Amino acid sequence: MAKTVAGRNVDFIILAEFDILTGSSIRCQYPQLTSIDEGILSELMLPDGCHKRKDDWTVFFLNRPGADKLKLRDSVPGDSTKKKKGKPEQASATTSSTSPTPTTEPTSPQQPKVVEGFVYRFQQEAAHLGWRMITQTPQRLKIQLSVPVRIFTAADPTTPLLEIARNPLLHVEMLEECFIGLHDSSTTALGFRFDKDRKDVVKELVSHFTTMASPEPVIGQAFLYCLNRVTTLLDDSVKRGAKVKALAICSTHHYIDVFRPFIVLTLDRFFACNDVGIIAELFDALNAIDLSQMPKLTDHQRLTLRHTQSTNTQATKKFATSIMMPIAANLTKKMPVYIPLTQFPDEVGDYQLTTLFRKFGRQTMTIFNALLLEKRIVFLGFNAGNKDASAAAADACTAGDVCAYVLAALCMVCPPLKGLASRAFPYTNLCFLDFLNVPGYVAGVTNPMFEEHPEWCAFSVRCDRRHLIFFLQVGRTVQHTDGQSHGEPQVNRL
């Protein structure tokens, strides 16, 4: 994983280029190597068919966190009653005040804190049973506030009954005064009940689970949002008559669109001087932006502010600052920077829902439902293959287009849903098929080979409801039964 440093506005700047003899390669990584395979980086930065157009913008993510699910063992250590088939004993989340009072055990600096309480489980497939204790017999369990959180029985304090791993999809909420609900993208939710006089324990557990839902998998390896521009410059002095180069900025901040003008200026300068020293100048300039005065809003404050339409609050939706940007040798220019304050981490860049509605019309609801149901979605764009130049331009769908569709799709459900960026692949290709292992992925591709080999995206050709895949074929002329050609997108259920 790429090592990151807390407090930086930009963590890495990467320069890639295409050579007719050596192919795609990484020319420079600054301030240090990302530790990501250079072959993967170069293919992500130089997308399929990029030589056919003057420039294109793509987005990719690095340092993806894991998404472990809540797993419960089939048997309970120390419980003489084995699990039996049929309906287990039902337990309600609401109990009388005569229930045993949870206690807190003392801790040492070397050991994580342990609290005691009652743990429940709710399963969607058995919703009629309500909340049930995870043990066959009612008993207090020991909850170790570590990462992962471990839950033990009193009879066996060494073998965990349940482990809850760090997961960006974790969502914690107060269902009742002292009853905490915890769920992720699976069909199982967990509940933690404490007595009313242990509000301090409740507050501490909520804080701990909230930390575990952070997009940072480990300290120093934070989730990175990467904005990339690839440019083709015609040049008769080189083979094939063109130079192809790409520049990407990688940041822990999701508002990567603010870097667009600086990428354009720097990449144009590099074409002119071919000096990698300007990458260091850009890095220093961007990290010199002072964001210490930028408000840190809660989710509730973001939602309130973004839905306020009064003139007085419009200016407060962005944080204005400036940067002294190098635009030539020994020449800098003060440029404004406007950072959106109301965007959530899953709202990456400045991509709008209207992008989807204009392209897919009513079929946008198919995409919306697929996202909610965690279907695996592939936006499959096609580069122009028509001999007629005007028709080709109309039918072409660039890597930047599929990026826009993927990121705009996330905006349909974020907010209120969180963690979708961790399963989004705005642009990917045949050299980076790791997304196939991510449940409920949303990916954008432009290589037609994905259509010819749908098993690459499903691992099987089953058409059951859980494994249904949507190929959203963008930018391809469709021949309808009326004999007329229509430029509408297709939604194929494979």
Protein backbone atom coordinates (compact mmCIF):
# COMPACT_ATOMS: atom_id res chain seq x y z
CA MET A 1 0.00 0.00 0.00
CA ALA A 2 1.04 3.61 -0.58
CA LYS A 3 2.28 5.25 2.61
CA THR A 4 0.56 8.53 3.45
CA VAL A 5 1.44 11.38 5.78
CA ALA A 6 -1.19 13.01 7.98
CA GLY A 7 -1.83 16.70 7.32
CA ARG A 8 -0.85 16.76 3.65
CA ASN A 9 -3.22 18.11 1.02
CA VAL A 10 -1.58 15.91 -1.62
CA ASP A 11 0.25 12.65 -0.91
CA PHE A 12 1.58 11.69 -4.34
CA ILE A 13 1.99 13.10 -7.82
CA ILE A 14 2.56 10.52 -10.54
CA LEU A 15 3.69 11.08 -14.12
CA ALA A 16 3.15 8.41 -16.78
CA GLU A 17 3.90 8.29 -20.49
CA PHE A 18 3.50 6.01 -23.48
CA ASP A 19 6.40 4.98 -25.70
CA ILE A 20 5.96 3.05 -28.93
CA LEU A 21 8.86 0.77 -28.01
CA THR A 22 8.40 0.28 -24.25
CA GLY A 23 4.64 0.80 -23.94
CA SER A 24 3.03 2.41 -20.91
CA SER A 25 5.43 3.33 -18.11
CA ILE A 26 5.76 5.50 -15.01
CA ARG A 27 8.19 8.37 -15.49
CA CYS A 28 8.08 9.86 -12.00
CA GLN A 29 6.52 9.27 -8.56
CA TYR A 30 6.90 12.12 -6.09
CA PRO A 31 7.82 12.56 -3.24
CA GLN A 32 8.52 8.80 -3.07
CA LEU A 33 7.44 5.53 -4.61
CA THR A 34 3.83 4.60 -3.90
CA SER A 35 4.72 0.90 -3.55
CA ILE A 36 1.90 0.20 -6.04
CA ASP A 37 2.91 -1.92 -9.03
CA GLU A 38 4.03 0.47 -11.77
CA GLY A 39 2.40 -1.64 -14.46
CA ILE A 40 -0.99 -1.22 -12.80
CA LEU A 41 -0.47 2.52 -12.24
CA SER A 42 0.54 3.18 -15.83
CA GLU A 43 -2.42 1.24 -17.25
CA LEU A 44 -4.83 3.12 -14.99
CA MET A 45 -3.34 6.47 -15.99
CA LEU A 46 -3.14 5.70 -19.72
CA PRO A 47 -6.58 4.20 -20.46
CA ASP A 48 -7.51 2.15 -23.50
CA GLY A 49 -7.74 4.27 -26.63
CA CYS A 50 -6.35 7.44 -25.04
CA HIS A 51 -4.23 8.08 -28.16
CA LYS A 52 -7.42 8.65 -30.17
CA ARG A 53 -8.31 11.91 -28.44
CA LYS A 54 -6.57 15.07 -27.32
CA ASP A 55 -7.17 14.67 -23.60
CA ASP A 56 -9.30 12.80 -21.08
CA TRP A 57 -9.88 12.78 -17.31
CA THR A 58 -10.14 9.65 -15.18
CA VAL A 59 -10.40 8.80 -11.50
CA PHE A 60 -8.99 5.82 -9.62
CA PHE A 61 -8.58 4.87 -5.96
CA LEU A 62 -5.62 3.45 -4.02
CA ASN A 63 -5.30 1.88 -0.56
CA ARG A 64 -8.72 0.29 -0.55
CA PRO A 65 -9.76 -0.88 2.93
CA GLY A 66 -11.01 -4.42 3.54
CA ALA A 67 -14.71 -5.11 3.87
CA ASP A 68 -14.92 -8.04 6.23
CA LYS A 69 -18.42 -9.12 7.19
CA LEU A 70 -19.79 -9.90 10.63
CA LYS A 71 -19.11 -13.59 11.19
CA LEU A 72 -20.58 -15.75 13.94
CA ARG A 73 -19.39 -19.22 14.80
CA ASP A 74 -21.86 -22.08 14.67
CA SER A 75 -21.30 -23.01 18.29
CA VAL A 76 -20.79 -21.11 21.51
CA PRO A 77 -17.74 -21.95 23.64
CA GLY A 78 -18.71 -22.89 27.16
CA ASP A 79 -22.38 -23.27 26.30
CA SER A 80 -23.49 -26.86 26.85
CA THR A 81 -26.54 -26.29 24.70
CA LYS A 82 -25.59 -26.80 21.06
CA LYS A 83 -27.35 -24.97 18.31
CA LYS A 84 -30.48 -26.77 17.21
CA LYS A 85 -32.36 -26.60 14.00
CA GLY A 86 -35.61 -24.72 14.02
CA LYS A 87 -36.64 -21.52 15.74
CA PRO A 88 -34.19 -20.33 18.40
CA GLU A 89 -35.40 -18.68 21.57
CA GLN A 90 -36.57 -15.14 20.87
CA ALA A 91 -35.24 -12.23 22.91
CA SER A 92 -36.52 -8.68 22.71
CA ALA A 93 -34.22 -5.67 22.62
CA THR A 94 -36.45 -3.99 25.19
CA THR A 95 -36.02 -5.56 28.62
CA SER A 96 -37.14 -4.77 32.14
CA SER A 97 -35.06 -2.80 34.64
CA THR A 98 -34.49 -6.01 36.59
CA SER A 99 -31.98 -7.20 34.03
CA PRO A 100 -28.44 -7.72 35.34
CA THR A 101 -26.38 -4.55 35.36
CA PRO A 102 -23.44 -4.58 32.92
CA THR A 103 -20.09 -4.01 34.53
CA THR A 104 -16.78 -2.61 33.39
CA GLU A 105 -13.58 -4.48 34.09
CA PRO A 106 -10.41 -2.60 35.02
CA THR A 107 -7.80 -2.39 32.31
CA SER A 108 -4.06 -2.10 32.13
CA PRO A 109 -2.18 0.04 29.60
CA GLN A 110 -1.19 -3.12 27.72
CA GLN A 111 -4.71 -4.52 27.37
CA PRO A 112 -7.77 -3.13 25.56
CA LYS A 113 -10.76 -2.19 27.66
CA VAL A 114 -13.44 -4.84 28.26
CA VAL A 115 -17.08 -4.13 29.09
CA GLU A 116 -19.97 -6.47 29.76
CA GLY A 117 -23.39 -6.36 28.20
CA PHE A 118 -25.97 -8.27 26.21
CA VAL A 119 -25.45 -8.89 22.50
CA TYR A 120 -28.30 -9.53 20.07
CA ARG A 121 -28.57 -10.50 16.44
CA PHE A 122 -31.13 -9.58 13.79
CA GLN A 123 -31.26 -11.48 10.50
CA GLN A 124 -33.18 -10.19 7.53
CA GLU A 125 -34.16 -13.69 6.42
CA ALA A 126 -35.71 -14.28 9.87
CA ALA A 127 -37.08 -10.81 10.49
CA HIS A 128 -40.25 -12.17 12.06
CA LEU A 129 -38.18 -13.43 15.00
CA GLY A 130 -36.90 -9.95 15.85
CA TRP A 131 -33.78 -9.39 17.91
CA ARG A 132 -32.38 -12.59 19.45
CA MET A 133 -29.46 -13.12 21.81
CA ILE A 134 -26.46 -14.62 20.04
CA THR A 135 -26.18 -17.29 22.76
CA GLN A 136 -28.66 -20.07 23.32
CA THR A 137 -29.11 -19.04 26.95
CA PRO A 138 -29.36 -15.41 28.15
CA GLN A 139 -26.01 -14.30 29.53
CA ARG A 140 -23.77 -11.31 29.80
CA LEU A 141 -20.90 -11.29 27.33
CA LYS A 142 -17.49 -9.67 27.52
CA ILE A 143 -16.94 -7.05 24.79
CA GLN A 144 -13.30 -6.24 24.15
CA LEU A 145 -12.84 -2.74 22.67
CA SER A 146 -10.03 -3.63 20.32
CA VAL A 147 -9.63 -3.76 16.54
CA PRO A 148 -11.19 -6.11 15.68
CA VAL A 149 -13.77 -6.02 18.48
CA ARG A 150 -13.88 -9.42 20.16
CA ILE A 151 -16.80 -10.86 22.13
CA PHE A 152 -16.29 -13.67 24.65
CA THR A 153 -18.45 -15.69 26.97
CA ALA A 154 -17.72 -15.75 30.70
CA ALA A 155 -17.07 -19.48 30.48
CA ASP A 156 -14.39 -19.11 27.79
CA PRO A 157 -12.62 -15.72 28.00
CA THR A 158 -9.86 -16.79 25.58
CA THR A 159 -11.70 -17.97 22.45
CA PRO A 160 -13.79 -15.20 20.84
CA LEU A 161 -17.39 -16.01 20.06
CA LEU A 162 -17.58 -13.16 17.58
CA GLU A 163 -15.13 -10.79 15.90
CA ILE A 164 -16.07 -7.50 14.25
CA ALA A 165 -13.38 -6.22 11.88
CA ARG A 166 -12.69 -2.68 10.73
CA ASN A 167 -15.10 -1.99 7.89
CA PRO A 168 -15.92 1.29 6.09
CA LEU A 169 -19.49 0.00 5.60
CA LEU A 170 -20.16 -0.25 9.35
CA HIS A 171 -23.05 1.91 10.51
CA VAL A 172 -23.83 2.46 14.18
CA GLU A 173 -26.99 4.04 15.56
CA MET A 174 -28.89 4.38 18.82
CA LEU A 175 -32.06 2.30 18.49
CA GLU A 176 -33.12 3.02 22.07
CA GLU A 177 -31.64 4.95 24.96
CA CYS A 178 -29.06 2.28 25.82
CA PHE A 179 -29.43 -0.07 22.88
CA ILE A 180 -26.88 0.25 20.05
CA GLY A 181 -27.50 -1.16 16.58
CA LEU A 182 -24.60 -2.09 14.29
CA HIS A 183 -24.85 -3.25 10.69
CA ASP A 184 -22.91 -3.33 7.44
CA SER A 185 -23.87 -4.37 3.92
CA SER A 186 -24.76 -7.93 4.94
CA THR A 187 -28.20 -9.15 6.01
CA THR A 188 -27.16 -9.51 9.67
CA ALA A 189 -27.23 -6.73 12.26
CA LEU A 190 -25.95 -6.79 15.83
CA GLY A 191 -27.41 -5.10 18.89
CA PHE A 192 -25.69 -4.17 22.18
CA ARG A 193 -27.83 -3.46 25.27
CA PHE A 194 -26.66 -1.85 28.48
CA ASP A 195 -28.44 -0.69 31.60
CA LYS A 196 -29.62 2.92 31.78
CA ASP A 197 -26.99 3.86 34.37
CA ARG A 198 -24.14 2.88 31.99
CA LYS A 199 -24.46 5.68 29.47
CA ASP A 200 -20.70 6.19 29.68
CA VAL A 201 -20.16 2.67 28.33
CA VAL A 202 -22.71 3.25 25.57
CA LYS A 203 -20.98 6.47 24.50
CA GLU A 204 -17.57 4.79 24.48
CA LEU A 205 -18.78 1.85 22.39
CA VAL A 206 -20.45 4.16 19.84
CA SER A 207 -17.22 6.13 19.54
CA HIS A 208 -15.19 2.95 19.08
CA PHE A 209 -17.44 1.56 16.33
CA THR A 210 -17.46 4.96 14.59
CA THR A 211 -13.66 4.90 14.51
CA MET A 212 -13.73 1.39 13.04
CA ALA A 213 -15.89 2.69 10.18
CA SER A 214 -13.18 5.16 9.18
CA PRO A 215 -11.97 4.84 5.56
CA GLU A 216 -8.41 4.57 6.87
CA PRO A 217 -7.53 0.84 7.12
CA VAL A 218 -4.33 1.49 9.10
CA ILE A 219 -2.38 4.53 10.17
CA GLY A 220 -0.17 5.72 7.32
CA GLN A 221 -2.14 3.91 4.60
CA ALA A 222 -5.18 6.11 4.13
CA PHE A 223 -7.67 5.73 1.28
CA LEU A 224 -6.44 7.79 -1.68
CA TYR A 225 -8.58 9.57 -4.27
CA CYS A 226 -6.65 10.05 -7.53
CA LEU A 227 -7.50 12.49 -10.33
CA ASN A 228 -5.71 11.85 -13.61
CA ARG A 229 -5.41 13.72 -16.89
CA VAL A 230 -4.02 12.08 -20.03
CA THR A 231 -3.04 14.27 -22.97
CA THR A 232 -2.03 13.46 -26.54
CA LEU A 233 0.14 16.05 -28.28
CA LEU A 234 0.69 15.72 -32.03
CA ASP A 235 4.39 15.78 -32.87
CA ASP A 236 5.78 14.75 -36.27
CA SER A 237 9.26 14.34 -34.79
CA VAL A 238 8.31 11.18 -32.87
CA LYS A 239 7.12 7.76 -34.03
CA ARG A 240 3.40 7.57 -34.77
CA GLY A 241 3.36 11.36 -34.71
CA ALA A 242 2.21 11.92 -31.13
CA LYS A 243 3.35 12.10 -27.50
CA VAL A 244 1.06 10.68 -24.83
CA LYS A 245 1.56 11.64 -21.18
CA ALA A 246 -0.58 11.57 -18.04
CA LEU A 247 -0.40 13.32 -14.65
CA ALA A 248 -2.25 12.11 -11.54
CA ILE A 249 -2.66 13.74 -8.13
CA CYS A 250 -3.39 11.40 -5.21
CA SER A 251 -4.96 12.84 -2.08
CA THR A 252 -6.79 11.69 1.04
CA HIS A 253 -9.35 14.43 0.31
CA HIS A 254 -12.37 13.54 -1.80
CA TYR A 255 -12.75 16.99 -3.39
CA ILE A 256 -10.12 16.17 -6.02
CA ASP A 257 -11.79 18.30 -8.70
CA VAL A 258 -10.16 21.40 -7.19
CA PHE A 259 -6.85 20.12 -8.58
CA ARG A 260 -7.94 20.20 -12.24
CA PRO A 261 -6.50 23.61 -13.26
CA PHE A 262 -3.17 22.83 -11.60
CA ILE A 263 -2.90 19.48 -13.39
CA VAL A 264 -3.58 21.18 -16.73
CA LEU A 265 -0.93 23.87 -16.16
CA THR A 266 1.71 21.41 -14.95
CA LEU A 267 1.16 18.85 -17.70
CA ASP A 268 1.32 21.56 -20.37
CA ARG A 269 4.58 22.81 -18.82
CA PHE A 270 6.00 19.30 -18.85
CA PHE A 271 5.25 18.86 -22.55
CA ALA A 272 7.16 22.10 -23.15
CA CYS A 273 10.24 21.50 -20.98
CA ASN A 274 10.29 17.74 -20.19
CA ASP A 275 11.67 18.55 -16.72
CA VAL A 276 10.40 16.38 -13.85
CA GLY A 277 11.47 19.13 -11.45
CA ILE A 278 8.17 20.89 -12.04
CA ILE A 279 6.42 17.93 -10.32
CA ALA A 280 8.18 18.86 -7.07
CA GLU A 281 7.12 22.50 -7.54
CA LEU A 282 3.48 21.45 -7.90
CA PHE A 283 3.70 19.17 -4.87
CA ASP A 284 5.11 21.95 -2.68
CA ALA A 285 2.60 24.52 -3.93
CA LEU A 286 -0.44 22.32 -3.28
CA ASN A 287 0.74 21.31 0.18
CA ALA A 288 1.34 24.96 1.03
CA ILE A 289 -2.43 25.62 0.88
CA ASP A 290 -3.56 26.40 4.42
CA LEU A 291 -6.71 24.47 5.29
CA SER A 292 -6.43 24.95 9.05
CA GLN A 293 -9.30 27.45 9.01
CA MET A 294 -11.62 25.27 6.92
CA PRO A 295 -14.69 24.29 8.95
CA LYS A 296 -14.99 20.62 9.95
CA LEU A 297 -18.68 19.85 9.51
CA THR A 298 -20.60 16.90 10.88
CA ASP A 299 -22.86 14.86 8.58
CA HIS A 300 -25.92 16.62 9.95
CA GLN A 301 -24.37 20.05 9.36
CA ARG A 302 -23.46 19.10 5.79
CA LEU A 303 -27.02 18.01 5.03
CA THR A 304 -28.53 21.10 6.62
CA LEU A 305 -26.21 23.45 4.76
CA ARG A 306 -26.61 21.82 1.36
CA HIS A 307 -30.41 22.06 1.52
CA THR A 308 -30.43 25.70 2.61
CA GLN A 309 -31.29 27.91 -0.34
CA SER A 310 -30.99 31.40 1.16
CA THR A 311 -28.59 33.79 -0.54
CA ASN A 312 -26.65 34.40 2.67
CA THR A 313 -25.61 30.75 2.98
CA GLN A 314 -24.57 30.11 -0.62
CA ALA A 315 -21.11 31.55 -0.03
CA THR A 316 -20.62 29.42 3.08
CA LYS A 317 -20.99 26.19 1.10
CA LYS A 318 -17.43 26.61 -0.18
CA PHE A 319 -14.17 27.36 1.57
CA ALA A 320 -12.19 29.95 -0.39
CA THR A 321 -8.43 30.11 -0.29
CA SER A 322 -5.60 30.62 -2.79
CA ILE A 323 -2.36 29.11 -4.04
CA MET A 324 0.85 30.57 -5.44
CA MET A 325 1.06 28.38 -8.53
CA PRO A 326 4.27 28.08 -10.59
CA ILE A 327 3.28 28.74 -14.21
CA ALA A 328 6.76 29.13 -15.69
CA ALA A 329 10.41 29.18 -14.65
CA ASN A 330 10.79 31.68 -11.78
CA LEU A 331 7.22 32.86 -12.28
CA THR A 332 4.25 32.22 -10.00
CA LYS A 333 0.66 33.35 -10.11
CA LYS A 334 -1.88 33.60 -7.32
CA MET A 335 -4.82 31.35 -8.15
CA PRO A 336 -8.07 30.89 -6.19
CA VAL A 337 -9.11 27.54 -4.71
CA TYR A 338 -12.73 26.79 -3.78
CA ILE A 339 -13.33 23.69 -1.68
CA PRO A 340 -16.90 22.36 -1.29
CA LEU A 341 -17.95 21.93 2.33
CA THR A 342 -21.17 19.96 1.88
CA GLN A 343 -19.84 16.96 -0.03
CA PHE A 344 -19.52 13.56 1.65
CA PRO A 345 -16.46 11.29 1.19
CA ASP A 346 -18.37 9.11 -1.29
CA GLU A 347 -19.27 12.12 -3.45
CA VAL A 348 -16.04 12.22 -5.40
CA GLY A 349 -15.38 15.19 -7.63
CA ASP A 350 -18.00 17.32 -9.31
CA TYR A 351 -20.19 14.67 -10.94
CA GLN A 352 -23.93 15.27 -11.13
CA LEU A 353 -26.97 13.00 -11.25
CA THR A 354 -28.12 14.79 -14.39
CA THR A 355 -25.26 13.01 -16.17
CA LEU A 356 -27.05 9.70 -15.63
CA PHE A 357 -30.55 10.95 -16.39
CA ARG A 358 -29.48 12.51 -19.67
CA LYS A 359 -27.82 9.29 -20.81
CA PHE A 360 -30.03 6.55 -19.40
CA GLY A 361 -33.41 8.19 -18.88
CA ARG A 362 -35.87 5.86 -17.14
CA GLN A 363 -33.22 3.15 -16.96
CA THR A 364 -31.52 5.21 -14.25
CA MET A 365 -33.89 3.55 -11.78
CA THR A 366 -32.45 0.18 -12.78
CA ILE A 367 -29.04 1.44 -11.74
CA PHE A 368 -30.47 2.86 -8.52
CA ASN A 369 -32.08 -0.43 -7.53
CA ALA A 370 -28.94 -2.36 -8.45
CA LEU A 371 -26.87 -0.16 -6.13
CA LEU A 372 -29.26 -0.68 -3.22
CA LEU A 373 -29.32 -4.44 -3.79
CA GLU A 374 -25.51 -4.56 -4.11
CA LYS A 375 -25.62 -5.96 -7.62
CA ARG A 376 -22.34 -6.00 -9.50
CA ILE A 377 -22.53 -3.18 -12.04
CA VAL A 378 -20.29 -2.60 -15.04
CA PHE A 379 -20.55 0.56 -17.14
CA LEU A 380 -19.21 -0.68 -20.46
CA GLY A 381 -18.27 2.15 -22.81
CA PHE A 382 -17.22 1.74 -26.42
CA ASN A 383 -14.63 3.71 -28.33
CA ALA A 384 -15.57 4.79 -31.82
CA GLY A 385 -15.25 2.05 -34.40
CA ASN A 386 -17.30 3.62 -37.17
CA LYS A 387 -15.45 4.64 -40.34
CA ASP A 388 -17.46 7.82 -40.59
CA ALA A 389 -15.74 10.48 -38.45
CA SER A 390 -18.90 12.30 -37.40
CA ALA A 391 -20.71 9.10 -36.46
CA ALA A 392 -17.64 7.89 -34.60
CA ALA A 393 -17.48 11.06 -32.54
CA ALA A 394 -21.14 10.73 -31.63
CA ASP A 395 -20.81 7.08 -30.62
CA ALA A 396 -17.49 7.33 -28.76
CA CYS A 397 -17.49 6.85 -25.00
CA THR A 398 -14.22 7.74 -23.33
CA ALA A 399 -12.74 6.45 -20.10
CA GLY A 400 -13.65 9.82 -18.62
CA ASP A 401 -17.29 9.24 -19.56
CA VAL A 402 -17.54 5.90 -17.75
CA CYS A 403 -15.81 7.48 -14.74
CA ALA A 404 -18.48 10.15 -14.70
CA TYR A 405 -21.27 7.54 -14.84
CA VAL A 406 -19.78 5.47 -12.00
CA LEU A 407 -19.25 8.46 -9.70
CA ALA A 408 -22.61 10.00 -10.56
CA ALA A 409 -24.27 6.67 -9.73
CA LEU A 410 -22.77 6.78 -6.23
CA CYS A 411 -24.39 10.19 -5.70
CA MET A 412 -27.82 8.58 -6.01
CA VAL A 413 -27.39 6.80 -2.68
CA CYS A 414 -24.62 8.78 -0.95
CA PRO A 415 -25.80 10.21 1.37
CA PRO A 416 -27.31 8.50 3.31
CA LEU A 417 -25.31 5.35 2.50
CA LYS A 418 -21.61 5.32 3.28
CA GLY A 419 -18.58 3.38 2.09
CA LEU A 420 -19.57 2.95 -1.56
CA ALA A 421 -16.33 4.51 -2.79
CA SER A 422 -14.49 1.47 -1.42
CA ARG A 423 -16.33 -0.76 -3.90
CA ALA A 424 -16.24 1.68 -6.82
CA PHE A 425 -13.76 1.39 -9.69
CA PRO A 426 -14.44 4.48 -11.84
CA TYR A 427 -12.04 3.22 -14.48
CA THR A 428 -10.40 -0.18 -14.75
CA ASN A 429 -9.10 -2.46 -17.49
CA LEU A 430 -7.87 -5.95 -18.28
CA CYS A 431 -4.64 -5.38 -16.37
CA PHE A 432 -6.45 -4.72 -13.10
CA LEU A 433 -9.17 -7.27 -12.48
CA ASP A 434 -9.00 -7.19 -8.67
CA PHE A 435 -12.45 -5.61 -8.61
CA LEU A 436 -13.89 -9.04 -9.42
CA ASN A 437 -13.25 -10.02 -5.79
CA VAL A 438 -15.17 -7.04 -4.36
CA PRO A 439 -18.84 -7.73 -3.50
CA GLY A 440 -21.28 -5.33 -5.13
CA TYR A 441 -18.64 -3.55 -7.19
CA VAL A 442 -19.41 -0.62 -9.51
CA ALA A 443 -16.88 -0.45 -12.34
CA GLY A 444 -16.29 1.52 -15.51
CA VAL A 445 -14.50 -0.03 -18.51
CA THR A 446 -13.99 0.79 -22.19
CA ASN A 447 -12.47 -2.41 -23.54
CA PRO A 448 -15.05 -4.40 -25.57
CA MET A 449 -13.37 -7.62 -24.39
CA PHE A 450 -15.46 -7.30 -21.22
CA GLU A 451 -18.59 -7.85 -23.28
CA GLU A 452 -17.12 -10.86 -25.05
CA HIS A 453 -16.16 -12.49 -21.74
CA PRO A 454 -18.94 -11.78 -19.21
CA GLU A 455 -17.64 -14.60 -17.02
CA TRP A 456 -14.71 -12.35 -16.12
CA CYS A 457 -17.15 -10.15 -14.30
CA ALA A 458 -19.29 -12.83 -12.67
CA PHE A 459 -17.16 -15.92 -12.24
CA SER A 460 -20.27 -17.72 -13.45
CA VAL A 461 -23.13 -17.23 -15.89
CA ARG A 462 -25.84 -17.79 -13.33
CA CYS A 463 -28.81 -15.47 -13.68
CA ASP A 464 -30.18 -15.75 -10.17
CA ARG A 465 -31.22 -12.54 -8.43
CA ARG A 466 -28.10 -12.31 -6.30
CA HIS A 467 -25.60 -12.68 -9.15
CA LEU A 468 -27.38 -10.68 -11.84
CA ILE A 469 -24.95 -8.36 -13.62
CA PHE A 470 -25.86 -5.20 -15.47
CA PHE A 471 -23.77 -4.27 -18.49
CA LEU A 472 -24.58 -0.65 -19.21
CA GLN A 473 -23.42 -0.33 -22.80
CA VAL A 474 -22.72 3.35 -23.31
CA GLY A 475 -22.16 5.14 -26.60
CA ARG A 476 -23.15 2.32 -28.93
CA THR A 477 -25.72 2.61 -31.69
CA VAL A 478 -28.60 0.20 -31.15
CA GLN A 479 -30.51 -1.35 -34.06
CA HIS A 480 -34.20 -1.47 -33.15
CA THR A 481 -36.84 -3.69 -34.70
CA ASP A 482 -38.17 -0.73 -36.70
CA GLY A 483 -34.98 -0.79 -38.76
CA GLN A 484 -33.84 2.61 -37.45
CA SER A 485 -30.63 3.26 -35.55
CA HIS A 486 -30.94 4.93 -32.17
CA GLY A 487 -28.16 6.20 -29.97
CA GLU A 488 -29.73 4.93 -26.77
CA PRO A 489 -27.80 3.02 -24.14
CA GLN A 490 -28.63 -0.62 -23.46
CA VAL A 491 -29.11 -2.27 -20.11
CA ASN A 492 -28.45 -5.95 -20.64
CA ARG A 493 -29.25 -8.49 -17.95
CA LEU A 494 -26.76 -11.31 -18.44
